[in-house]
Amino acid sequence: MRASFLGCPIDILTMADTVELARRAMHSQQRLQHVALNVAKFVNMRFDSVLAADVANSDVISIDGMGIVWGARALGLPVETRVTGIDLLTELLALCAKEGFKPYFLGATPGVLQQAAQHVRGNHPSITFAGLRDGYFTREQEADVVREIRTSRADCLFIGMPTPRKEHFLASYRDVLGVPFIMGVGGSFDILAGSVRRAPVCIQHLGLEWLYRVYQEPGRMWWRYARTNTLFAGVLARAIVRQSLGMAPRANSSLPRETSRIGG
């Protein structure tokens, strides 16, 4: 079910729904691009047209962050659960091992990339990677990277590059990569490699994973989350007030128009 949350399209889907959409795409060899939406990405979309366009052009827009879940519920949307990027990646890698799909990992440092792949092989000995490529390549090398991905005949591409580099890369090459399922995975390779610890389950359920990231990397993360969480709270509060007063939602041209995609 596709809905609009504060002007941003979202797909209200379960984990099982999302995995099945990816499975169908890989079986049919028809491209499906997935994006995971959290508070930071939602806020940054309002200032970054490339990021906003990447979300708008995605076929499935999953709700990753608990802030989005709570905000959607506050505005009356029937959101029951979230589909986190790392959990979806884990489910899809298990699917690849079970059904013989070949994943391609793109991003992170060479060391982290190899450790992440080793971790996956340890959990799924039968899995075959179509390819591994770290994210440290120049713009002049992009054509070679695209050629490597295309000739690998990968069934799914997981991109662990930072925003907005990932969005620029996909905007330029998504139509020529030849990969059925494409998904940005943020820092998930670091988690698979063990270089970044995921928050304990109790903290995940409280929606405080961002606070755990600040605890692990205070110098890099505290201002990012302070800024995005504050801006998001302001946007959501204004929307709740307008809704309670029976006023129409305020249009925001900086966010993509709602569209009907495969995930809808």
C-alpha atoms as a PDB file:
ATOM      1  CA  MET A   1       0.000   0.000   0.000  1.00  0.00           C
ATOM      2  CA  ARG A   2       1.469   3.326  -1.060  1.00  0.00           C
ATOM      3  CA  ALA A   3       0.693   6.371   1.066  1.00  0.00           C
ATOM      4  CA  SER A   4       1.922   9.929   1.480  1.00  0.00           C
ATOM      5  CA  PHE A   5       3.693  10.948   4.662  1.00  0.00           C
ATOM      6  CA  LEU A   6       4.257  14.695   4.964  1.00  0.00           C
ATOM      7  CA  GLY A   7       4.501  14.865   1.181  1.00  0.00           C
ATOM      8  CA  CYS A   8       6.878  11.918   0.886  1.00  0.00           C
ATOM      9  CA  PRO A   9       5.697   8.638  -0.681  1.00  0.00           C
ATOM     10  CA  ILE A  10       6.021   5.561   1.540  1.00  0.00           C
ATOM     11  CA  ASP A  11       5.032   1.919   1.124  1.00  0.00           C
ATOM     12  CA  ILE A  12       3.246   0.345   4.072  1.00  0.00           C
ATOM     13  CA  LEU A  13       4.590  -3.187   3.794  1.00  0.00           C
ATOM     14  CA  THR A  14       5.728  -5.983   6.077  1.00  0.00           C
ATOM     15  CA  MET A  15       9.138  -7.593   5.889  1.00  0.00           C
ATOM     16  CA  ALA A  16       7.582 -10.637   4.198  1.00  0.00           C
ATOM     17  CA  ASP A  17       5.873  -8.401   1.611  1.00  0.00           C
ATOM     18  CA  THR A  18       9.147  -6.644   0.817  1.00  0.00           C
ATOM     19  CA  VAL A  19      11.172  -9.846   0.526  1.00  0.00           C
ATOM     20  CA  GLU A  20       8.549 -11.295  -1.817  1.00  0.00           C
ATOM     21  CA  LEU A  21       8.696  -8.223  -4.067  1.00  0.00           C
ATOM     22  CA  ALA A  22      12.466  -8.598  -4.276  1.00  0.00           C
ATOM     23  CA  ARG A  23      12.181 -12.329  -4.975  1.00  0.00           C
ATOM     24  CA  ARG A  24       9.723 -11.713  -7.813  1.00  0.00           C
ATOM     25  CA  ALA A  25      11.989  -9.071  -9.328  1.00  0.00           C
ATOM     26  CA  MET A  26      14.986 -11.411  -9.293  1.00  0.00           C
ATOM     27  CA  HIS A  27      12.985 -14.284 -10.775  1.00  0.00           C
ATOM     28  CA  SER A  28      11.471 -12.110 -13.514  1.00  0.00           C
ATOM     29  CA  GLN A  29      14.692 -10.135 -14.091  1.00  0.00           C
ATOM     30  CA  GLN A  30      12.687  -6.891 -13.967  1.00  0.00           C
ATOM     31  CA  ARG A  31      14.365  -4.000 -12.164  1.00  0.00           C
ATOM     32  CA  LEU A  32      13.117  -3.045  -8.719  1.00  0.00           C
ATOM     33  CA  GLN A  33      14.852  -0.317  -6.740  1.00  0.00           C
ATOM     34  CA  HIS A  34      14.378  -0.222  -2.981  1.00  0.00           C
ATOM     35  CA  VAL A  35      15.082   2.627  -0.589  1.00  0.00           C
ATOM     36  CA  ALA A  36      14.852   2.605   3.218  1.00  0.00           C
ATOM     37  CA  LEU A  37      13.432   5.814   4.701  1.00  0.00           C
ATOM     38  CA  ASN A  38      14.481   7.075   8.121  1.00  0.00           C
ATOM     39  CA  VAL A  39      14.278  10.461   9.818  1.00  0.00           C
ATOM     40  CA  ALA A  40      17.699  11.621   8.630  1.00  0.00           C
ATOM     41  CA  LYS A  41      16.943  10.772   5.006  1.00  0.00           C
ATOM     42  CA  PHE A  42      13.494  12.378   5.209  1.00  0.00           C
ATOM     43  CA  VAL A  43      14.955  15.638   6.506  1.00  0.00           C
ATOM     44  CA  ASN A  44      17.856  15.664   4.058  1.00  0.00           C
ATOM     45  CA  MET A  45      15.435  15.182   1.159  1.00  0.00           C
ATOM     46  CA  ARG A  46      14.087  18.641   1.886  1.00  0.00           C
ATOM     47  CA  PHE A  47      17.475  20.175   1.106  1.00  0.00           C
ATOM     48  CA  ASP A  48      18.909  17.747  -1.464  1.00  0.00           C
ATOM     49  CA  SER A  49      17.082  17.487  -4.785  1.00  0.00           C
ATOM     50  CA  VAL A  50      19.199  14.521  -5.932  1.00  0.00           C
ATOM     51  CA  LEU A  51      18.284  12.542  -2.820  1.00  0.00           C
ATOM     52  CA  ALA A  52      14.612  13.513  -3.169  1.00  0.00           C
ATOM     53  CA  ALA A  53      14.594  12.365  -6.796  1.00  0.00           C
ATOM     54  CA  ASP A  54      16.257   9.066  -5.831  1.00  0.00           C
ATOM     55  CA  VAL A  55      13.460   8.359  -3.361  1.00  0.00           C
ATOM     56  CA  ALA A  56      10.767   9.443  -5.822  1.00  0.00           C
ATOM     57  CA  ASN A  57      12.196   7.164  -8.524  1.00  0.00           C
ATOM     58  CA  SER A  58      12.380   4.129  -6.248  1.00  0.00           C
ATOM     59  CA  ASP A  59       9.862   1.338  -6.677  1.00  0.00           C
ATOM     60  CA  VAL A  60       9.671   0.400  -2.996  1.00  0.00           C
ATOM     61  CA  ILE A  61      10.081   2.948  -0.191  1.00  0.00           C
ATOM     62  CA  SER A  62      10.266   1.056   3.082  1.00  0.00           C
ATOM     63  CA  ILE A  63       9.863   2.621   6.510  1.00  0.00           C
ATOM     64  CA  ASP A  64      13.192   2.088   8.254  1.00  0.00           C
ATOM     65  CA  GLY A  65      13.168   4.471  11.225  1.00  0.00           C
ATOM     66  CA  MET A  66      10.894   4.344  14.274  1.00  0.00           C
ATOM     67  CA  GLY A  67      10.514   8.114  14.027  1.00  0.00           C
ATOM     68  CA  ILE A  68       8.763   7.640  10.681  1.00  0.00           C
ATOM     69  CA  VAL A  69       6.599   4.876  12.175  1.00  0.00           C
ATOM     70  CA  TRP A  70       5.506   7.059  15.101  1.00  0.00           C
ATOM     71  CA  GLY A  71       4.979  10.096  12.885  1.00  0.00           C
ATOM     72  CA  ALA A  72       2.870   8.145  10.395  1.00  0.00           C
ATOM     73  CA  ARG A  73       0.725   6.702  13.174  1.00  0.00           C
ATOM     74  CA  ALA A  74       0.252  10.170  14.669  1.00  0.00           C
ATOM     75  CA  LEU A  75      -1.144  11.319  11.327  1.00  0.00           C
ATOM     76  CA  GLY A  76      -3.504   8.355  11.064  1.00  0.00           C
ATOM     77  CA  LEU A  77      -1.599   6.105   8.664  1.00  0.00           C
ATOM     78  CA  PRO A  78      -1.987   2.356   9.349  1.00  0.00           C
ATOM     79  CA  VAL A  79       1.687   1.582   9.905  1.00  0.00           C
ATOM     80  CA  GLU A  80       2.155  -1.499  12.098  1.00  0.00           C
ATOM     81  CA  THR A  81       5.846  -2.195  11.740  1.00  0.00           C
ATOM     82  CA  ARG A  82       9.023  -1.066  10.047  1.00  0.00           C
ATOM     83  CA  VAL A  83      11.336  -2.768   7.579  1.00  0.00           C
ATOM     84  CA  THR A  84      14.884  -1.904   8.586  1.00  0.00           C
ATOM     85  CA  GLY A  85      17.608  -1.920   5.966  1.00  0.00           C
ATOM     86  CA  ILE A  86      19.974  -4.245   7.843  1.00  0.00           C
ATOM     87  CA  ASP A  87      17.202  -6.749   8.611  1.00  0.00           C
ATOM     88  CA  LEU A  88      16.012  -6.704   4.999  1.00  0.00           C
ATOM     89  CA  LEU A  89      19.580  -7.228   3.790  1.00  0.00           C
ATOM     90  CA  THR A  90      19.928 -10.218   6.122  1.00  0.00           C
ATOM     91  CA  GLU A  91      16.654 -11.722   4.886  1.00  0.00           C
ATOM     92  CA  LEU A  92      17.607 -11.217   1.244  1.00  0.00           C
ATOM     93  CA  LEU A  93      21.029 -12.809   1.684  1.00  0.00           C
ATOM     94  CA  ALA A  94      19.296 -15.868   3.175  1.00  0.00           C
ATOM     95  CA  LEU A  95      16.980 -15.854   0.141  1.00  0.00           C
ATOM     96  CA  CYS A  96      19.981 -15.706  -2.193  1.00  0.00           C
ATOM     97  CA  ALA A  97      21.529 -18.713  -0.480  1.00  0.00           C
ATOM     98  CA  LYS A  98      18.265 -20.645  -0.621  1.00  0.00           C
ATOM     99  CA  GLU A  99      17.284 -19.912  -4.221  1.00  0.00           C
ATOM    100  CA  GLY A 100      20.669 -19.482  -5.865  1.00  0.00           C
ATOM    101  CA  PHE A 101      20.553 -15.731  -6.495  1.00  0.00           C
ATOM    102  CA  LYS A 102      23.926 -14.015  -6.753  1.00  0.00           C
ATOM    103  CA  PRO A 103      24.441 -10.768  -4.785  1.00  0.00           C
ATOM    104  CA  TYR A 104      26.943  -8.025  -5.578  1.00  0.00           C
ATOM    105  CA  PHE A 105      28.375  -5.861  -2.789  1.00  0.00           C
ATOM    106  CA  LEU A 106      29.490  -2.346  -3.757  1.00  0.00           C
ATOM    107  CA  GLY A 107      30.951   0.049  -1.202  1.00  0.00           C
ATOM    108  CA  ALA A 108      32.898   0.380   2.069  1.00  0.00           C
ATOM    109  CA  THR A 109      36.656  -0.015   2.424  1.00  0.00           C
ATOM    110  CA  PRO A 110      38.377  -3.080   0.950  1.00  0.00           C
ATOM    111  CA  GLY A 111      38.955  -4.525   4.419  1.00  0.00           C
ATOM    112  CA  VAL A 112      35.390  -4.031   5.624  1.00  0.00           C
ATOM    113  CA  LEU A 113      34.020  -5.380   2.352  1.00  0.00           C
ATOM    114  CA  GLN A 114      36.024  -8.600   2.593  1.00  0.00           C
ATOM    115  CA  GLN A 115      35.109  -9.094   6.257  1.00  0.00           C
ATOM    116  CA  ALA A 116      31.410  -8.549   5.477  1.00  0.00           C
ATOM    117  CA  ALA A 117      31.525 -11.088   2.653  1.00  0.00           C
ATOM    118  CA  GLN A 118      33.358 -13.557   4.890  1.00  0.00           C
ATOM    119  CA  HIS A 119      30.663 -13.149   7.545  1.00  0.00           C
ATOM    120  CA  VAL A 120      27.938 -13.821   4.962  1.00  0.00           C
ATOM    121  CA  ARG A 121      29.740 -16.930   3.677  1.00  0.00           C
ATOM    122  CA  GLY A 122      30.072 -18.166   7.244  1.00  0.00           C
ATOM    123  CA  ASN A 123      26.298 -17.927   7.716  1.00  0.00           C
ATOM    124  CA  HIS A 124      25.452 -19.170   4.222  1.00  0.00           C
ATOM    125  CA  PRO A 125      28.150 -21.510   2.877  1.00  0.00           C
ATOM    126  CA  SER A 126      26.194 -22.138  -0.332  1.00  0.00           C
ATOM    127  CA  ILE A 127      25.999 -18.475  -1.348  1.00  0.00           C
ATOM    128  CA  THR A 128      27.882 -17.307  -4.445  1.00  0.00           C
ATOM    129  CA  PHE A 129      28.747 -13.637  -4.811  1.00  0.00           C
ATOM    130  CA  ALA A 130      28.502 -12.150  -8.278  1.00  0.00           C
ATOM    131  CA  GLY A 131      31.149  -9.655  -7.223  1.00  0.00           C
ATOM    132  CA  LEU A 132      32.678  -7.430  -4.557  1.00  0.00           C
ATOM    133  CA  ARG A 133      33.884  -3.879  -5.181  1.00  0.00           C
ATOM    134  CA  ASP A 134      34.910  -1.349  -2.575  1.00  0.00           C
ATOM    135  CA  GLY A 135      33.561   2.190  -2.738  1.00  0.00           C
ATOM    136  CA  TYR A 136      36.915   3.905  -3.195  1.00  0.00           C
ATOM    137  CA  PHE A 137      36.907   4.563  -6.914  1.00  0.00           C
ATOM    138  CA  THR A 138      37.138   7.828  -8.822  1.00  0.00           C
ATOM    139  CA  ARG A 139      34.603   9.314 -11.200  1.00  0.00           C
ATOM    140  CA  GLU A 140      36.918   8.327 -14.034  1.00  0.00           C
ATOM    141  CA  GLN A 141      36.701   4.698 -12.876  1.00  0.00           C
ATOM    142  CA  GLU A 142      32.903   4.621 -12.704  1.00  0.00           C
ATOM    143  CA  ALA A 143      32.478   3.261 -16.232  1.00  0.00           C
ATOM    144  CA  ASP A 144      34.735   0.312 -15.356  1.00  0.00           C
ATOM    145  CA  VAL A 145      32.759  -0.348 -12.161  1.00  0.00           C
ATOM    146  CA  VAL A 146      29.476  -0.288 -14.088  1.00  0.00           C
ATOM    147  CA  ARG A 147      30.954  -2.690 -16.648  1.00  0.00           C
ATOM    148  CA  GLU A 148      32.063  -5.047 -13.888  1.00  0.00           C
ATOM    149  CA  ILE A 149      28.586  -5.059 -12.339  1.00  0.00           C
ATOM    150  CA  ARG A 150      26.847  -5.536 -15.669  1.00  0.00           C
ATOM    151  CA  THR A 151      29.058  -8.433 -16.767  1.00  0.00           C
ATOM    152  CA  SER A 152      28.773 -10.117 -13.353  1.00  0.00           C
ATOM    153  CA  ARG A 153      25.128 -11.016 -14.082  1.00  0.00           C
ATOM    154  CA  ALA A 154      24.239 -10.221 -10.481  1.00  0.00           C
ATOM    155  CA  ASP A 155      20.658 -10.780  -9.344  1.00  0.00           C
ATOM    156  CA  CYS A 156      20.834  -8.111  -6.643  1.00  0.00           C
ATOM    157  CA  LEU A 157      23.083  -5.140  -5.956  1.00  0.00           C
ATOM    158  CA  PHE A 158      23.637  -3.844  -2.424  1.00  0.00           C
ATOM    159  CA  ILE A 159      25.281  -0.414  -2.337  1.00  0.00           C
ATOM    160  CA  GLY A 160      27.072   0.699   0.815  1.00  0.00           C
ATOM    161  CA  MET A 161      28.148   4.175  -0.276  1.00  0.00           C
ATOM    162  CA  PRO A 162      27.266   7.425   1.538  1.00  0.00           C
ATOM    163  CA  THR A 163      24.601   9.912   0.514  1.00  0.00           C
ATOM    164  CA  PRO A 164      24.637  11.727  -1.904  1.00  0.00           C
ATOM    165  CA  ARG A 165      27.311   9.732  -3.749  1.00  0.00           C
ATOM    166  CA  LYS A 166      25.072   6.671  -3.978  1.00  0.00           C
ATOM    167  CA  GLU A 167      22.211   8.758  -5.352  1.00  0.00           C
ATOM    168  CA  HIS A 168      24.431  10.389  -7.982  1.00  0.00           C
ATOM    169  CA  PHE A 169      25.751   6.966  -9.000  1.00  0.00           C
ATOM    170  CA  LEU A 170      22.268   5.484  -9.375  1.00  0.00           C
ATOM    171  CA  ALA A 171      20.896   8.538 -11.178  1.00  0.00           C
ATOM    172  CA  SER A 172      23.668   8.120 -13.758  1.00  0.00           C
ATOM    173  CA  TYR A 173      23.744   4.345 -14.160  1.00  0.00           C
ATOM    174  CA  ARG A 174      20.646   2.597 -12.786  1.00  0.00           C
ATOM    175  CA  ASP A 175      19.273   1.989 -16.296  1.00  0.00           C
ATOM    176  CA  VAL A 176      22.452   0.324 -17.581  1.00  0.00           C
ATOM    177  CA  LEU A 177      23.526  -1.792 -14.583  1.00  0.00           C
ATOM    178  CA  GLY A 178      21.363  -4.706 -15.678  1.00  0.00           C
ATOM    179  CA  VAL A 179      20.628  -5.823 -12.090  1.00  0.00           C
ATOM    180  CA  PRO A 180      17.036  -6.775 -11.187  1.00  0.00           C
ATOM    181  CA  PHE A 181      17.058  -5.715  -7.520  1.00  0.00           C
ATOM    182  CA  ILE A 182      18.967  -2.648  -6.302  1.00  0.00           C
ATOM    183  CA  MET A 183      19.143  -1.521  -2.693  1.00  0.00           C
ATOM    184  CA  GLY A 184      21.168   1.043  -0.775  1.00  0.00           C
ATOM    185  CA  VAL A 185      22.309  -0.426   2.537  1.00  0.00           C
ATOM    186  CA  GLY A 186      24.019   2.524   4.249  1.00  0.00           C
ATOM    187  CA  GLY A 187      26.473   1.284   6.855  1.00  0.00           C
ATOM    188  CA  SER A 188      25.235  -2.322   6.846  1.00  0.00           C
ATOM    189  CA  PHE A 189      28.546  -3.679   5.535  1.00  0.00           C
ATOM    190  CA  ASP A 190      30.228  -2.268   8.656  1.00  0.00           C
ATOM    191  CA  ILE A 191      27.696  -4.117  10.818  1.00  0.00           C
ATOM    192  CA  LEU A 192      28.177  -7.393   8.914  1.00  0.00           C
ATOM    193  CA  ALA A 193      31.940  -6.974   9.223  1.00  0.00           C
ATOM    194  CA  GLY A 194      31.669  -6.355  12.968  1.00  0.00           C
ATOM    195  CA  SER A 195      33.366  -2.961  12.827  1.00  0.00           C
ATOM    196  CA  VAL A 196      30.143  -1.264  14.007  1.00  0.00           C
ATOM    197  CA  ARG A 197      27.888  -2.848  16.609  1.00  0.00           C
ATOM    198  CA  ARG A 198      24.138  -2.753  16.190  1.00  0.00           C
ATOM    199  CA  ALA A 199      22.081  -1.502  19.101  1.00  0.00           C
ATOM    200  CA  PRO A 200      20.687  -4.133  21.520  1.00  0.00           C
ATOM    201  CA  VAL A 201      17.183  -5.334  20.678  1.00  0.00           C
ATOM    202  CA  CYS A 202      15.609  -3.465  23.601  1.00  0.00           C
ATOM    203  CA  ILE A 203      17.074  -0.171  22.314  1.00  0.00           C
ATOM    204  CA  GLN A 204      15.866  -0.996  18.785  1.00  0.00           C
ATOM    205  CA  HIS A 205      12.314  -1.489  20.090  1.00  0.00           C
ATOM    206  CA  LEU A 206      12.482   1.875  21.865  1.00  0.00           C
ATOM    207  CA  GLY A 207      13.491   3.557  18.609  1.00  0.00           C
ATOM    208  CA  LEU A 208      16.760   4.770  20.118  1.00  0.00           C
ATOM    209  CA  GLU A 209      19.224   3.212  17.681  1.00  0.00           C
ATOM    210  CA  TRP A 210      20.327   6.721  16.714  1.00  0.00           C
ATOM    211  CA  LEU A 211      21.324   7.361  20.345  1.00  0.00           C
ATOM    212  CA  TYR A 212      23.381   4.174  20.361  1.00  0.00           C
ATOM    213  CA  ARG A 213      25.174   5.363  17.214  1.00  0.00           C
ATOM    214  CA  VAL A 214      25.944   8.652  18.958  1.00  0.00           C
ATOM    215  CA  TYR A 215      27.325   6.652  21.910  1.00  0.00           C
ATOM    216  CA  GLN A 216      29.632   4.717  19.541  1.00  0.00           C
ATOM    217  CA  GLU A 217      30.710   7.676  17.387  1.00  0.00           C
ATOM    218  CA  PRO A 218      29.941  10.888  19.313  1.00  0.00           C
ATOM    219  CA  GLY A 219      32.281  13.134  17.354  1.00  0.00           C
ATOM    220  CA  ARG A 220      30.753  12.233  14.008  1.00  0.00           C
ATOM    221  CA  MET A 221      27.126  11.505  14.866  1.00  0.00           C
ATOM    222  CA  TRP A 222      25.867  13.822  17.601  1.00  0.00           C
ATOM    223  CA  TRP A 223      25.351  16.929  15.448  1.00  0.00           C
ATOM    224  CA  ARG A 224      23.877  14.935  12.543  1.00  0.00           C
ATOM    225  CA  TYR A 225      21.172  13.402  14.706  1.00  0.00           C
ATOM    226  CA  ALA A 226      20.572  16.539  16.789  1.00  0.00           C
ATOM    227  CA  ARG A 227      19.933  18.516  13.602  1.00  0.00           C
ATOM    228  CA  THR A 228      17.748  15.994  11.758  1.00  0.00           C
ATOM    229  CA  ASN A 229      15.712  14.917  14.803  1.00  0.00           C
ATOM    230  CA  THR A 230      14.974  18.534  15.749  1.00  0.00           C
ATOM    231  CA  LEU A 231      13.934  19.497  12.229  1.00  0.00           C
ATOM    232  CA  PHE A 232      11.770  16.385  11.900  1.00  0.00           C
ATOM    233  CA  ALA A 233      10.018  17.070  15.215  1.00  0.00           C
ATOM    234  CA  GLY A 234       9.193  20.587  14.041  1.00  0.00           C
ATOM    235  CA  VAL A 235       7.789  19.443  10.691  1.00  0.00           C
ATOM    236  CA  LEU A 236       5.727  16.704  12.332  1.00  0.00           C
ATOM    237  CA  ALA A 237       4.384  18.982  15.081  1.00  0.00           C
ATOM    238  CA  ARG A 238       3.170  21.534  12.527  1.00  0.00           C
ATOM    239  CA  ALA A 239       1.473  18.791  10.518  1.00  0.00           C
ATOM    240  CA  ILE A 240      -0.282  17.397  13.611  1.00  0.00           C
ATOM    241  CA  VAL A 241      -1.541  20.869  14.569  1.00  0.00           C
ATOM    242  CA  ARG A 242      -2.826  21.522  11.053  1.00  0.00           C
ATOM    243  CA  GLN A 243      -4.570  18.146  10.988  1.00  0.00           C
ATOM    244  CA  SER A 244      -6.179  18.723  14.400  1.00  0.00           C
ATOM    245  CA  LEU A 245      -7.505  22.069  13.150  1.00  0.00           C
ATOM    246  CA  GLY A 246      -8.926  20.436  10.037  1.00  0.00           C
ATOM    247  CA  MET A 247      -6.510  22.260   7.752  1.00  0.00           C
ATOM    248  CA  ALA A 248      -5.174  20.723   4.551  1.00  0.00           C
ATOM    249  CA  PRO A 249      -1.575  19.489   4.638  1.00  0.00           C
ATOM    250  CA  ARG A 250       0.843  22.165   3.528  1.00  0.00           C
ATOM    251  CA  ALA A 251       2.298  21.502   0.097  1.00  0.00           C
ATOM    252  CA  ASN A 252       6.067  21.191  -0.060  1.00  0.00           C
ATOM    253  CA  SER A 253       7.602  21.402  -3.503  1.00  0.00           C
ATOM    254  CA  SER A 254      10.981  20.231  -2.207  1.00  0.00           C
ATOM    255  CA  LEU A 255       9.664  16.706  -1.706  1.00  0.00           C
ATOM    256  CA  PRO A 256       8.802  14.360  -4.581  1.00  0.00           C
ATOM    257  CA  ARG A 257       5.260  13.952  -5.742  1.00  0.00           C
ATOM    258  CA  GLU A 258       3.470  10.814  -4.645  1.00  0.00           C
ATOM    259  CA  THR A 259       3.585   8.143  -7.329  1.00  0.00           C
ATOM    260  CA  SER A 260       2.189   4.649  -7.755  1.00  0.00           C
ATOM    261  CA  ARG A 261       5.037   2.148  -8.078  1.00  0.00           C
ATOM    262  CA  ILE A 262       5.477  -1.613  -7.854  1.00  0.00           C
ATOM    263  CA  GLY A 263       5.439  -1.404  -4.067  1.00  0.00           C
ATOM    264  CA  GLY A 264       2.039   0.247  -4.014  1.00  0.00           C
END
